[in-house]
PDB file of N, CA and C in Angstrom:
ATOM      1  N   MET A   1     -14.616  13.539  16.478  1.00  0.00           N
ATOM      2  CA  MET A   1     -13.584  13.142  15.266  1.00  0.00           C
ATOM      3  C   MET A   1     -12.808  12.754  16.699  1.00  0.00           C
ATOM      4  N   LYS A   2     -12.659  10.835  16.620  1.00  0.00           N
ATOM      5  CA  LYS A   2     -11.402   9.882  17.142  1.00  0.00           C
ATOM      6  C   LYS A   2      -9.906  10.387  17.295  1.00  0.00           C
ATOM      7  N   ASP A   3      -8.890  10.757  18.573  1.00  0.00           N
ATOM      8  CA  ASP A   3      -7.717  10.466  17.677  1.00  0.00           C
ATOM      9  C   ASP A   3      -7.730   9.582  18.880  1.00  0.00           C
ATOM     10  N   LEU A   4      -6.849   8.846  18.015  1.00  0.00           N
ATOM     11  CA  LEU A   4      -5.817   7.786  17.893  1.00  0.00           C
ATOM     12  C   LEU A   4      -3.929   8.518  18.290  1.00  0.00           C
ATOM     13  N   GLY A   5      -4.241   9.103  18.317  1.00  0.00           N
ATOM     14  CA  GLY A   5      -2.859   9.604  18.557  1.00  0.00           C
ATOM     15  C   GLY A   5      -2.884  10.269  17.133  1.00  0.00           C
ATOM     16  N   ASN A   6      -0.703  10.843  16.807  1.00  0.00           N
ATOM     17  CA  ASN A   6      -0.789  11.328  15.587  1.00  0.00           C
ATOM     18  C   ASN A   6      -0.306  10.094  14.212  1.00  0.00           C
ATOM     19  N   ILE A   7      -1.887  10.303  13.182  1.00  0.00           N
ATOM     20  CA  ILE A   7      -1.546   9.753  12.355  1.00  0.00           C
ATOM     21  C   ILE A   7      -1.421  10.604  11.059  1.00  0.00           C
ATOM     22  N   VAL A   8      -0.660  10.074  10.209  1.00  0.00           N
ATOM     23  CA  VAL A   8      -0.163  10.784   8.835  1.00  0.00           C
ATOM     24  C   VAL A   8      -0.543  10.223   7.870  1.00  0.00           C
ATOM     25  N   VAL A   9      -1.254  10.402   7.173  1.00  0.00           N
ATOM     26  CA  VAL A   9      -1.041   9.582   5.891  1.00  0.00           C
ATOM     27  C   VAL A   9      -0.906  10.814   4.717  1.00  0.00           C
ATOM     28  N   TYR A  10       0.550  10.178   3.817  1.00  0.00           N
ATOM     29  CA  TYR A  10       1.666  10.786   3.045  1.00  0.00           C
ATOM     30  C   TYR A  10       0.558   9.828   1.465  1.00  0.00           C
ATOM     31  N   GLY A  11       0.348  10.661   0.690  1.00  0.00           N
ATOM     32  CA  GLY A  11      -0.547  10.829  -0.790  1.00  0.00           C
ATOM     33  C   GLY A  11      -0.851  11.675  -1.289  1.00  0.00           C
ATOM     34  N   ALA A  12      -0.897  11.714  -2.348  1.00  0.00           N
ATOM     35  CA  ALA A  12      -1.394  12.768  -3.538  1.00  0.00           C
ATOM     36  C   ALA A  12      -2.915  12.636  -3.627  1.00  0.00           C
ATOM     37  N   PRO A  13      -3.491  14.330  -4.229  1.00  0.00           N
ATOM     38  CA  PRO A  13      -4.396  13.810  -4.745  1.00  0.00           C
ATOM     39  C   PRO A  13      -4.816  12.642  -6.336  1.00  0.00           C
ATOM     40  N   TRP A  14      -4.416  12.444  -6.392  1.00  0.00           N
ATOM     41  CA  TRP A  14      -4.857  11.831  -7.975  1.00  0.00           C
ATOM     42  C   TRP A  14      -4.145  10.306  -7.273  1.00  0.00           C
ATOM     43  N   CYS A  15      -3.792   9.749  -6.507  1.00  0.00           N
ATOM     44  CA  CYS A  15      -4.064   8.705  -6.148  1.00  0.00           C
ATOM     45  C   CYS A  15      -5.018   7.730  -5.176  1.00  0.00           C
ATOM     46  N   GLY A  16      -5.416   7.125  -6.261  1.00  0.00           N
ATOM     47  CA  GLY A  16      -7.444   6.063  -5.968  1.00  0.00           C
ATOM     48  C   GLY A  16      -6.986   5.743  -4.902  1.00  0.00           C
ATOM     49  N   ASP A  17      -6.023   4.821  -4.019  1.00  0.00           N
ATOM     50  CA  ASP A  17      -5.593   4.045  -3.247  1.00  0.00           C
ATOM     51  C   ASP A  17      -6.064   5.785  -1.832  1.00  0.00           C
ATOM     52  N   CYS A  18      -4.941   6.643  -2.363  1.00  0.00           N
ATOM     53  CA  CYS A  18      -4.480   7.464  -0.883  1.00  0.00           C
ATOM     54  C   CYS A  18      -6.237   7.643  -0.868  1.00  0.00           C
ATOM     55  N   ILE A  19      -7.353   8.871  -1.874  1.00  0.00           N
ATOM     56  CA  ILE A  19      -8.559   8.679  -1.429  1.00  0.00           C
ATOM     57  C   ILE A  19      -9.308   7.640  -0.790  1.00  0.00           C
ATOM     58  N   ARG A  20      -9.538   6.681  -1.605  1.00  0.00           N
ATOM     59  CA  ARG A  20     -10.111   5.131  -0.501  1.00  0.00           C
ATOM     60  C   ARG A  20      -9.632   5.598   0.827  1.00  0.00           C
ATOM     61  N   SER A  21      -8.137   5.236   1.131  1.00  0.00           N
ATOM     62  CA  SER A  21      -7.743   5.123   2.532  1.00  0.00           C
ATOM     63  C   SER A  21      -8.380   6.549   3.310  1.00  0.00           C
ATOM     64  N   GLU A  22      -8.199   7.913   2.694  1.00  0.00           N
ATOM     65  CA  GLU A  22      -8.711   9.011   3.602  1.00  0.00           C
ATOM     66  C   GLU A  22     -10.141   8.766   3.766  1.00  0.00           C
ATOM     67  N   SER A  23     -10.664   8.768   3.038  1.00  0.00           N
ATOM     68  CA  SER A  23     -12.709   8.501   2.553  1.00  0.00           C
ATOM     69  C   SER A  23     -12.867   7.142   3.527  1.00  0.00           C
ATOM     70  N   LEU A  24     -11.959   6.568   3.830  1.00  0.00           N
ATOM     71  CA  LEU A  24     -11.863   5.226   4.990  1.00  0.00           C
ATOM     72  C   LEU A  24     -12.546   5.535   6.543  1.00  0.00           C
ATOM     73  N   LEU A  25     -10.962   6.695   6.995  1.00  0.00           N
ATOM     74  CA  LEU A  25     -10.534   7.403   8.102  1.00  0.00           C
ATOM     75  C   LEU A  25     -11.827   8.395   8.010  1.00  0.00           C
ATOM     76  N   ASN A  26     -11.910   9.014   7.058  1.00  0.00           N
ATOM     77  CA  ASN A  26     -13.617   9.778   7.395  1.00  0.00           C
ATOM     78  C   ASN A  26     -14.347   9.783   7.822  1.00  0.00           C
ATOM     79  N   ARG A  27     -15.179   8.515   7.252  1.00  0.00           N
ATOM     80  CA  ARG A  27     -15.860   7.988   7.694  1.00  0.00           C
ATOM     81  C   ARG A  27     -16.013   7.243   9.222  1.00  0.00           C
ATOM     82  N   LEU A  28     -15.062   6.783   9.369  1.00  0.00           N
ATOM     83  CA  LEU A  28     -14.511   6.512  10.612  1.00  0.00           C
ATOM     84  C   LEU A  28     -14.731   7.581  11.819  1.00  0.00           C
ATOM     85  N   ASP A  29     -14.508   8.459  11.143  1.00  0.00           N
ATOM     86  CA  ASP A  29     -14.110   9.854  11.994  1.00  0.00           C
ATOM     87  C   ASP A  29     -13.209   9.548  13.306  1.00  0.00           C
ATOM     88  N   ILE A  30     -12.111   9.321  11.953  1.00  0.00           N
ATOM     89  CA  ILE A  30     -10.256   9.313  12.976  1.00  0.00           C
ATOM     90  C   ILE A  30      -9.752  10.806  12.419  1.00  0.00           C
ATOM     91  N   LYS A  31      -9.150  10.832  13.398  1.00  0.00           N
ATOM     92  CA  LYS A  31      -8.665  12.564  12.829  1.00  0.00           C
ATOM     93  C   LYS A  31      -7.192  12.378  12.704  1.00  0.00           C
ATOM     94  N   TYR A  32      -6.561  12.766  11.658  1.00  0.00           N
ATOM     95  CA  TYR A  32      -4.973  11.783  11.001  1.00  0.00           C
ATOM     96  C   TYR A  32      -4.754  13.641  10.308  1.00  0.00           C
ATOM     97  N   LYS A  33      -3.174  13.643   9.709  1.00  0.00           N
ATOM     98  CA  LYS A  33      -2.644  14.732   9.398  1.00  0.00           C
ATOM     99  C   LYS A  33      -2.231  14.184   7.908  1.00  0.00           C
ATOM    100  N   LYS A  34      -2.621  15.021   6.471  1.00  0.00           N
ATOM    101  CA  LYS A  34      -2.677  14.458   5.648  1.00  0.00           C
ATOM    102  C   LYS A  34      -1.604  15.376   4.765  1.00  0.00           C
ATOM    103  N   VAL A  35      -0.814  14.563   4.476  1.00  0.00           N
ATOM    104  CA  VAL A  35       0.500  15.268   3.737  1.00  0.00           C
ATOM    105  C   VAL A  35       0.546  14.875   2.229  1.00  0.00           C
ATOM    106  N   ASP A  36       0.484  16.129   1.592  1.00  0.00           N
ATOM    107  CA  ASP A  36       0.512  15.712   0.039  1.00  0.00           C
ATOM    108  C   ASP A  36       1.623  15.888  -0.305  1.00  0.00           C
ATOM    109  N   ILE A  37       2.301  14.643  -1.123  1.00  0.00           N
ATOM    110  CA  ILE A  37       3.368  14.165  -1.586  1.00  0.00           C
ATOM    111  C   ILE A  37       4.142  15.362  -2.458  1.00  0.00           C
ATOM    112  N   ASP A  38       3.230  15.629  -3.665  1.00  0.00           N
ATOM    113  CA  ASP A  38       3.286  16.243  -4.432  1.00  0.00           C
ATOM    114  C   ASP A  38       3.890  18.219  -3.727  1.00  0.00           C
ATOM    115  N   GLN A  39       2.887  18.652  -2.932  1.00  0.00           N
ATOM    116  CA  GLN A  39       3.498  20.106  -2.408  1.00  0.00           C
ATOM    117  C   GLN A  39       4.571  20.228  -1.714  1.00  0.00           C
ATOM    118  N   GLU A  40       4.628  18.841  -0.682  1.00  0.00           N
ATOM    119  CA  GLU A  40       5.453  18.524   0.425  1.00  0.00           C
ATOM    120  C   GLU A  40       6.566  17.430  -0.587  1.00  0.00           C
ATOM    121  N   PRO A  41       7.483  17.739  -1.493  1.00  0.00           N
ATOM    122  CA  PRO A  41       8.435  16.565  -2.158  1.00  0.00           C
ATOM    123  C   PRO A  41      10.011  16.409  -1.330  1.00  0.00           C
ATOM    124  N   GLU A  42      10.178  17.124   0.288  1.00  0.00           N
ATOM    125  CA  GLU A  42      11.172  16.794   1.426  1.00  0.00           C
ATOM    126  C   GLU A  42      10.434  15.867   1.445  1.00  0.00           C
ATOM    127  N   VAL A  43       9.210  15.241   1.475  1.00  0.00           N
ATOM    128  CA  VAL A  43       9.085  14.164   1.892  1.00  0.00           C
ATOM    129  C   VAL A  43       9.200  12.781   1.237  1.00  0.00           C
ATOM    130  N   GLN A  44       9.942  12.946   0.528  1.00  0.00           N
ATOM    131  CA  GLN A  44      10.095  11.656  -0.686  1.00  0.00           C
ATOM    132  C   GLN A  44      11.174  10.750   0.557  1.00  0.00           C
ATOM    133  N   ASP A  45      11.930  11.549   0.475  1.00  0.00           N
ATOM    134  CA  ASP A  45      12.920  10.746   1.166  1.00  0.00           C
ATOM    135  C   ASP A  45      12.946  10.417   2.265  1.00  0.00           C
ATOM    136  N   TYR A  46      12.569  10.343   3.255  1.00  0.00           N
ATOM    137  CA  TYR A  46      11.145   9.894   4.056  1.00  0.00           C
ATOM    138  C   TYR A  46      10.845   8.826   4.125  1.00  0.00           C
ATOM    139  N   ILE A  47       9.882   8.798   2.442  1.00  0.00           N
ATOM    140  CA  ILE A  47       8.865   7.444   2.628  1.00  0.00           C
ATOM    141  C   ILE A  47      10.309   6.297   2.441  1.00  0.00           C
ATOM    142  N   ARG A  48      10.996   6.820   1.353  1.00  0.00           N
ATOM    143  CA  ARG A  48      11.689   5.887   0.391  1.00  0.00           C
ATOM    144  C   ARG A  48      12.424   5.448   1.491  1.00  0.00           C
ATOM    145  N   LYS A  49      12.954   6.033   3.076  1.00  0.00           N
ATOM    146  CA  LYS A  49      13.436   5.674   3.923  1.00  0.00           C
ATOM    147  C   LYS A  49      12.972   4.341   4.864  1.00  0.00           C
ATOM    148  N   LEU A  50      11.521   4.173   4.933  1.00  0.00           N
ATOM    149  CA  LEU A  50      10.742   3.837   5.653  1.00  0.00           C
ATOM    150  C   LEU A  50       9.995   2.247   4.684  1.00  0.00           C
ATOM    151  N   GLN A  51      10.784   2.438   3.213  1.00  0.00           N
ATOM    152  CA  GLN A  51      10.578   1.596   2.538  1.00  0.00           C
ATOM    153  C   GLN A  51      12.026   0.761   1.007  1.00  0.00           C
ATOM    154  N   ASN A  52      12.288   0.967   2.094  1.00  0.00           N
ATOM    155  CA  ASN A  52      13.150   0.540   1.907  1.00  0.00           C
ATOM    156  C   ASN A  52      14.288   1.185   0.091  1.00  0.00           C
ATOM    157  N   GLY A  53      13.680   1.911  -0.230  1.00  0.00           N
ATOM    158  CA  GLY A  53      13.814   2.569  -1.342  1.00  0.00           C
ATOM    159  C   GLY A  53      12.704   3.065  -2.081  1.00  0.00           C
ATOM    160  N   LEU A  54      11.106   2.023  -1.704  1.00  0.00           N
ATOM    161  CA  LEU A  54      10.475   2.237  -2.766  1.00  0.00           C
ATOM    162  C   LEU A  54       9.764   3.810  -2.328  1.00  0.00           C
ATOM    163  N   ARG A  55       8.462   4.220  -3.302  1.00  0.00           N
ATOM    164  CA  ARG A  55       7.322   5.147  -3.008  1.00  0.00           C
ATOM    165  C   ARG A  55       6.480   4.650  -3.384  1.00  0.00           C
ATOM    166  N   LYS A  56       5.792   3.871  -2.517  1.00  0.00           N
ATOM    167  CA  LYS A  56       4.410   3.837  -2.750  1.00  0.00           C
ATOM    168  C   LYS A  56       3.483   4.703  -1.784  1.00  0.00           C
ATOM    169  N   ILE A  57       2.377   4.448  -2.063  1.00  0.00           N
ATOM    170  CA  ILE A  57       1.448   5.822  -1.073  1.00  0.00           C
ATOM    171  C   ILE A  57      -0.159   4.945  -1.663  1.00  0.00           C
ATOM    172  N   PRO A  58      -0.792   5.204  -0.704  1.00  0.00           N
ATOM    173  CA  PRO A  58      -0.620   5.851   0.391  1.00  0.00           C
ATOM    174  C   PRO A  58       0.130   5.268   1.633  1.00  0.00           C
ATOM    175  N   LEU A  59       1.338   5.867   2.270  1.00  0.00           N
ATOM    176  CA  LEU A  59       2.230   5.663   2.701  1.00  0.00           C
ATOM    177  C   LEU A  59       1.038   5.892   4.655  1.00  0.00           C
ATOM    178  N   ILE A  60       0.759   5.132   5.900  1.00  0.00           N
ATOM    179  CA  ILE A  60      -0.284   5.977   6.682  1.00  0.00           C
ATOM    180  C   ILE A  60       1.090   5.268   8.139  1.00  0.00           C
ATOM    181  N   VAL A  61       1.597   5.910   8.684  1.00  0.00           N
ATOM    182  CA  VAL A  61       2.234   6.484   9.638  1.00  0.00           C
ATOM    183  C   VAL A  61       1.349   6.276  11.219  1.00  0.00           C
ATOM    184  N   PHE A  62       1.533   5.410  11.800  1.00  0.00           N
ATOM    185  CA  PHE A  62       1.077   6.094  13.487  1.00  0.00           C
ATOM    186  C   PHE A  62       2.037   6.634  14.056  1.00  0.00           C
ATOM    187  N   GLU A  63       1.488   6.391  15.761  1.00  0.00           N
ATOM    188  CA  GLU A  63       1.954   7.284  16.395  1.00  0.00           C
ATOM    189  C   GLU A  63       3.021   6.573  17.061  1.00  0.00           C
ATOM    190  N   ASP A  64       3.097   5.185  16.592  1.00  0.00           N
ATOM    191  CA  ASP A  64       4.334   4.258  17.665  1.00  0.00           C
ATOM    192  C   ASP A  64       5.081   3.668  16.276  1.00  0.00           C
ATOM    193  N   HIS A  65       5.260   4.536  15.430  1.00  0.00           N
ATOM    194  CA  HIS A  65       6.041   4.316  13.881  1.00  0.00           C
ATOM    195  C   HIS A  65       5.639   3.324  13.840  1.00  0.00           C
ATOM    196  N   SER A  66       5.053   3.039  14.016  1.00  0.00           N
ATOM    197  CA  SER A  66       4.631   1.444  12.436  1.00  0.00           C
ATOM    198  C   SER A  66       3.784   2.647  11.380  1.00  0.00           C
ATOM    199  N   PHE A  67       3.753   1.249  10.227  1.00  0.00           N
ATOM    200  CA  PHE A  67       3.039   2.264   9.349  1.00  0.00           C
ATOM    201  C   PHE A  67       2.488   0.899   8.527  1.00  0.00           C
ATOM    202  N   LEU A  68       1.423   1.572   7.278  1.00  0.00           N
ATOM    203  CA  LEU A  68       0.953   0.433   6.002  1.00  0.00           C
ATOM    204  C   LEU A  68       1.309   1.338   5.039  1.00  0.00           C
ATOM    205  N   VAL A  69       1.417   0.150   3.982  1.00  0.00           N
ATOM    206  CA  VAL A  69       1.557   0.924   2.857  1.00  0.00           C
ATOM    207  C   VAL A  69       0.633   0.502   1.786  1.00  0.00           C
ATOM    208  N   GLU A  70      -0.006   1.723   1.331  1.00  0.00           N
ATOM    209  CA  GLU A  70      -0.954   1.224   0.211  1.00  0.00           C
ATOM    210  C   GLU A  70      -2.370   0.001   1.202  1.00  0.00           C
ATOM    211  N   PRO A  71      -2.399  -0.205   2.077  1.00  0.00           N
ATOM    212  CA  PRO A  71      -3.475  -0.996   3.212  1.00  0.00           C
ATOM    213  C   PRO A  71      -4.787  -1.503   2.110  1.00  0.00           C
ATOM    214  N   SER A  72      -4.646  -2.159   2.355  1.00  0.00           N
ATOM    215  CA  SER A  72      -6.933  -2.125   2.147  1.00  0.00           C
ATOM    216  C   SER A  72      -7.834  -2.000   3.144  1.00  0.00           C
ATOM    217  N   ASP A  73      -8.975  -1.791   2.699  1.00  0.00           N
ATOM    218  CA  ASP A  73      -9.551  -0.895   4.366  1.00  0.00           C
ATOM    219  C   ASP A  73      -9.320  -1.622   5.091  1.00  0.00           C
ATOM    220  N   GLU A  74      -9.684  -3.677   5.109  1.00  0.00           N
ATOM    221  CA  GLU A  74      -9.518  -4.246   5.860  1.00  0.00           C
ATOM    222  C   GLU A  74      -7.835  -4.247   6.819  1.00  0.00           C
ATOM    223  N   GLU A  75      -7.408  -4.186   6.576  1.00  0.00           N
ATOM    224  CA  GLU A  75      -5.990  -3.777   7.289  1.00  0.00           C
ATOM    225  C   GLU A  75      -6.091  -2.361   7.514  1.00  0.00           C
ATOM    226  N   LEU A  76      -6.422  -1.535   6.926  1.00  0.00           N
ATOM    227  CA  LEU A  76      -6.083  -0.249   8.041  1.00  0.00           C
ATOM    228  C   LEU A  76      -7.587  -0.280   8.771  1.00  0.00           C
ATOM    229  N   ILE A  77      -8.637  -0.825   8.915  1.00  0.00           N
ATOM    230  CA  ILE A  77      -9.626  -0.910  10.286  1.00  0.00           C
ATOM    231  C   ILE A  77      -9.035  -1.907  11.312  1.00  0.00           C
ATOM    232  N   LEU A  78      -8.433  -3.179  10.784  1.00  0.00           N
ATOM    233  CA  LEU A  78      -7.754  -3.778  11.984  1.00  0.00           C
ATOM    234  C   LEU A  78      -6.136  -2.941  12.299  1.00  0.00           C
ATOM    235  N   LYS A  79      -6.253  -2.186  12.185  1.00  0.00           N
ATOM    236  CA  LYS A  79      -4.994  -1.080  12.417  1.00  0.00           C
ATOM    237  C   LYS A  79      -6.011  -0.139  13.687  1.00  0.00           C
ATOM    238  N   ILE A  80      -7.036   0.498  13.233  1.00  0.00           N
ATOM    239  CA  ILE A  80      -7.275   1.012  14.020  1.00  0.00           C
ATOM    240  C   ILE A  80      -8.138   0.693  15.166  1.00  0.00           C
ATOM    241  N   GLU A  81      -8.147  -0.927  14.993  1.00  0.00           N
ATOM    242  CA  GLU A  81      -8.969  -1.361  15.913  1.00  0.00           C
ATOM    243  C   GLU A  81      -7.628  -1.898  16.923  1.00  0.00           C
ATOM    244  N   GLU A  82      -6.857  -2.268  16.557  1.00  0.00           N
ATOM    245  CA  GLU A  82      -5.266  -2.445  17.615  1.00  0.00           C
ATOM    246  C   GLU A  82      -5.050  -1.082  18.676  1.00  0.00           C
ATOM    247  N   LEU A  83      -5.183  -0.201  17.504  1.00  0.00           N
ATOM    248  CA  LEU A  83      -4.431   1.173  18.321  1.00  0.00           C
ATOM    249  C   LEU A  83      -5.699   1.696  19.585  1.00  0.00           C
ATOM    250  N   ALA A  84      -6.864   1.851  19.276  1.00  0.00           N
ATOM    251  CA  ALA A  84      -8.331   1.756  19.751  1.00  0.00           C
ATOM    252  C   ALA A  84      -7.601   1.292  21.473  1.00  0.00           C
ATOM    253  N   ILE A  85      -7.541  -0.353  20.843  1.00  0.00           N
ATOM    254  CA  ILE A  85      -7.139  -1.261  22.277  1.00  0.00           C
ATOM    255  C   ILE A  85      -6.470  -0.631  23.420  1.00  0.00           C
ATOM    256  N   LYS A  86      -5.095  -0.513  23.094  1.00  0.00           N
ATOM    257  CA  LYS A  86      -3.748   0.026  23.492  1.00  0.00           C
ATOM    258  C   LYS A  86      -4.601   1.231  24.430  1.00  0.00           C
TER     259      LYS A  86
END
C-alpha cells in the first residue's frame, strides 16, 4: 500500500461519491484514514469550517492541509500524482 502521507476521507456509507472516491484510492493502493461523519458527528464543525459553512462529502484532506471536495476521479488522480512527485 502506497503511503502519500496522512490522507483522511470524511464521508458516509450512504454517499455514492464517497464510495467512488474510496474505491479509486483502494484500486490505486493508496493508504488513507476513513472518517464516517455519521459515526463521528464532532467532525461536522471541521468540515463546515474548511468549506465556508457547507458540508459536502467526500472531503479528502491531505497531509499538506490541501483538500478536495466531491472530487471527480480525474481530480483525485491528479492530486495523488502531485503528492507522489513531492
